[in-house]
């Protein structure tokens, strides 16, 4: 029993280790990292992908798509950090030529892959 108490006391006195930098920076408390894979099945090339919280009067984000363009049949990474945790988001694709399409109430908490049709 004394050995266990000594081990616990030593562990409590040990300095905290710095986080492993390979994991990336920690998000602030309450921040939501909304990384997902966008799969383009629209038949057109997506040039910009933006998001906004569903059911809120918010502006659309900057382009969250990592590649410059996302051709039909391809997939690309999308990443956005927001200071509140929400699950339902609206996504808006802008196609070559400027036409847009919106998908409403996508649950980004439940999926990491969003197929855009």
Protein backbone atom coordinates (compact mmCIF):
# COMPACT_ATOMS: atom_id res chain seq x y z
CA UNK A 1 0.00 0.00 0.00
CA UNK A 2 2.84 2.36 0.85
CA UNK A 3 4.38 1.72 -2.60
CA UNK A 4 1.12 2.80 -4.28
CA UNK A 5 0.94 5.99 -2.21
CA UNK A 6 4.57 6.86 -3.04
CA UNK A 7 3.91 6.26 -6.76
CA UNK A 8 0.79 8.45 -6.66
CA UNK A 9 2.65 11.25 -4.85
CA UNK A 10 5.50 11.12 -7.39
CA UNK A 11 3.06 11.25 -10.30
CA UNK A 12 1.26 14.24 -8.79
CA UNK A 13 4.55 16.09 -8.23
CA UNK A 14 5.83 15.44 -11.77
CA UNK A 15 5.66 18.45 -14.11
CA UNK A 16 2.99 18.34 -16.81
CA UNK A 17 4.32 17.32 -20.19
CA UNK A 18 3.92 19.66 -23.15
CA UNK A 19 1.41 18.42 -25.72
CA UNK A 20 2.83 16.48 -28.63
CA UNK A 21 3.13 19.00 -31.52
CA UNK A 22 2.22 16.29 -34.03
CA UNK A 23 -1.39 16.51 -32.83
CA UNK A 24 -1.71 20.17 -33.82
CA UNK A 25 -2.82 23.09 -31.72
CA UNK A 26 -5.57 22.67 -29.18
CA UNK A 27 -8.75 24.56 -29.85
CA UNK A 28 -9.94 27.07 -27.28
CA UNK A 29 -12.61 25.88 -24.85
CA UNK A 30 -15.95 25.81 -26.66
CA UNK A 31 -14.41 25.85 -30.15
CA UNK A 32 -15.60 23.38 -32.74
CA UNK A 33 -13.26 22.09 -35.42
CA UNK A 34 -15.49 21.20 -38.36
CA UNK A 35 -13.20 19.15 -40.56
CA UNK A 36 -14.96 17.02 -43.14
CA UNK A 37 -14.44 15.49 -46.58
CA UNK A 38 -16.59 16.97 -49.35
CA UNK A 39 -17.40 14.54 -52.16
CA UNK A 40 -18.58 16.30 -55.33
CA UNK A 41 -21.32 14.37 -57.16
CA UNK A 42 -23.04 17.46 -58.62
CA UNK A 43 -21.94 17.08 -62.23
CA UNK A 44 -20.12 20.45 -62.06
CA UNK A 45 -16.83 21.80 -60.74
CA UNK A 46 -17.13 23.49 -57.33
CA UNK A 47 -14.89 26.57 -57.07
CA UNK A 48 -15.90 27.72 -53.57
CA UNK A 49 -17.50 25.93 -50.60
CA UNK A 50 -18.81 27.98 -47.68
CA UNK A 51 -20.76 27.14 -44.52
CA UNK A 52 -23.00 28.91 -42.02
CA UNK A 53 -24.84 27.68 -38.93
CA UNK A 54 -28.34 26.44 -39.72
CA UNK A 55 -31.24 28.39 -38.24
CA UNK A 56 -29.04 31.41 -37.45
CA UNK A 57 -28.85 34.77 -39.11
CA UNK A 58 -25.12 34.47 -39.84
CA UNK A 59 -22.94 35.33 -42.78
CA UNK A 60 -21.38 32.64 -44.94
CA UNK A 61 -17.82 31.67 -44.03
CA UNK A 62 -14.78 32.15 -46.20
CA UNK A 63 -14.00 29.29 -48.60
CA UNK A 64 -13.46 26.14 -46.48
CA UNK A 65 -12.34 23.93 -49.37
CA UNK A 66 -8.65 23.07 -49.34
CA UNK A 67 -8.12 22.51 -53.11
CA UNK A 68 -8.72 25.50 -55.36
CA UNK A 69 -11.38 23.66 -57.37
CA UNK A 70 -13.25 20.43 -56.74
CA UNK A 71 -14.17 18.71 -60.03
CA UNK A 72 -17.16 16.40 -60.25
CA UNK A 73 -16.37 12.93 -58.92
CA UNK A 74 -13.51 14.18 -56.76
CA UNK A 75 -13.25 14.72 -53.02
CA UNK A 76 -11.52 17.44 -51.06
CA UNK A 77 -10.87 18.42 -47.49
CA UNK A 78 -12.87 21.17 -45.82
CA UNK A 79 -11.97 22.75 -42.51
CA UNK A 80 -13.50 25.49 -40.41
CA UNK A 81 -13.19 26.42 -36.75
CA UNK A 82 -15.95 28.22 -34.89
CA UNK A 83 -16.03 29.39 -31.29
CA UNK A 84 -19.28 27.57 -30.46
CA UNK A 85 -20.22 23.95 -30.82
CA UNK A 86 -23.05 23.44 -33.27
CA UNK A 87 -24.00 20.36 -35.24
CA UNK A 88 -26.34 21.61 -37.98
CA UNK A 89 -24.74 23.63 -40.78
CA UNK A 90 -25.81 24.87 -44.20
CA UNK A 91 -23.30 24.34 -47.02
CA UNK A 92 -23.16 26.47 -50.18
CA UNK A 93 -21.23 25.50 -53.29
CA UNK A 94 -20.34 28.03 -55.95
CA UNK A 95 -19.78 26.48 -59.36
CA UNK A 96 -17.76 27.64 -62.34
CA UNK A 97 -19.79 30.44 -63.88
CA UNK A 98 -21.06 31.67 -60.49
CA UNK A 99 -24.20 29.55 -59.98
CA UNK A 100 -24.73 28.42 -56.36
CA UNK A 101 -26.44 25.53 -54.61
CA UNK A 102 -27.25 25.18 -50.90
CA UNK A 103 -27.66 22.07 -48.74
CA UNK A 104 -29.49 22.74 -45.48
CA UNK A 105 -29.06 21.31 -41.98
CA UNK A 106 -26.08 19.03 -42.56
CA UNK A 107 -25.12 17.38 -39.26
CA UNK A 108 -21.34 17.80 -39.13
CA UNK A 109 -21.22 16.20 -35.67
CA UNK A 110 -22.50 12.89 -37.05
CA UNK A 111 -20.35 12.61 -40.17
CA UNK A 112 -16.91 13.37 -41.51
CA UNK A 113 -17.90 12.77 -45.15
CA UNK A 114 -20.48 14.90 -46.96
CA UNK A 115 -21.62 13.84 -50.44
CA UNK A 116 -22.87 16.83 -52.43
CA UNK A 117 -25.45 15.82 -55.08
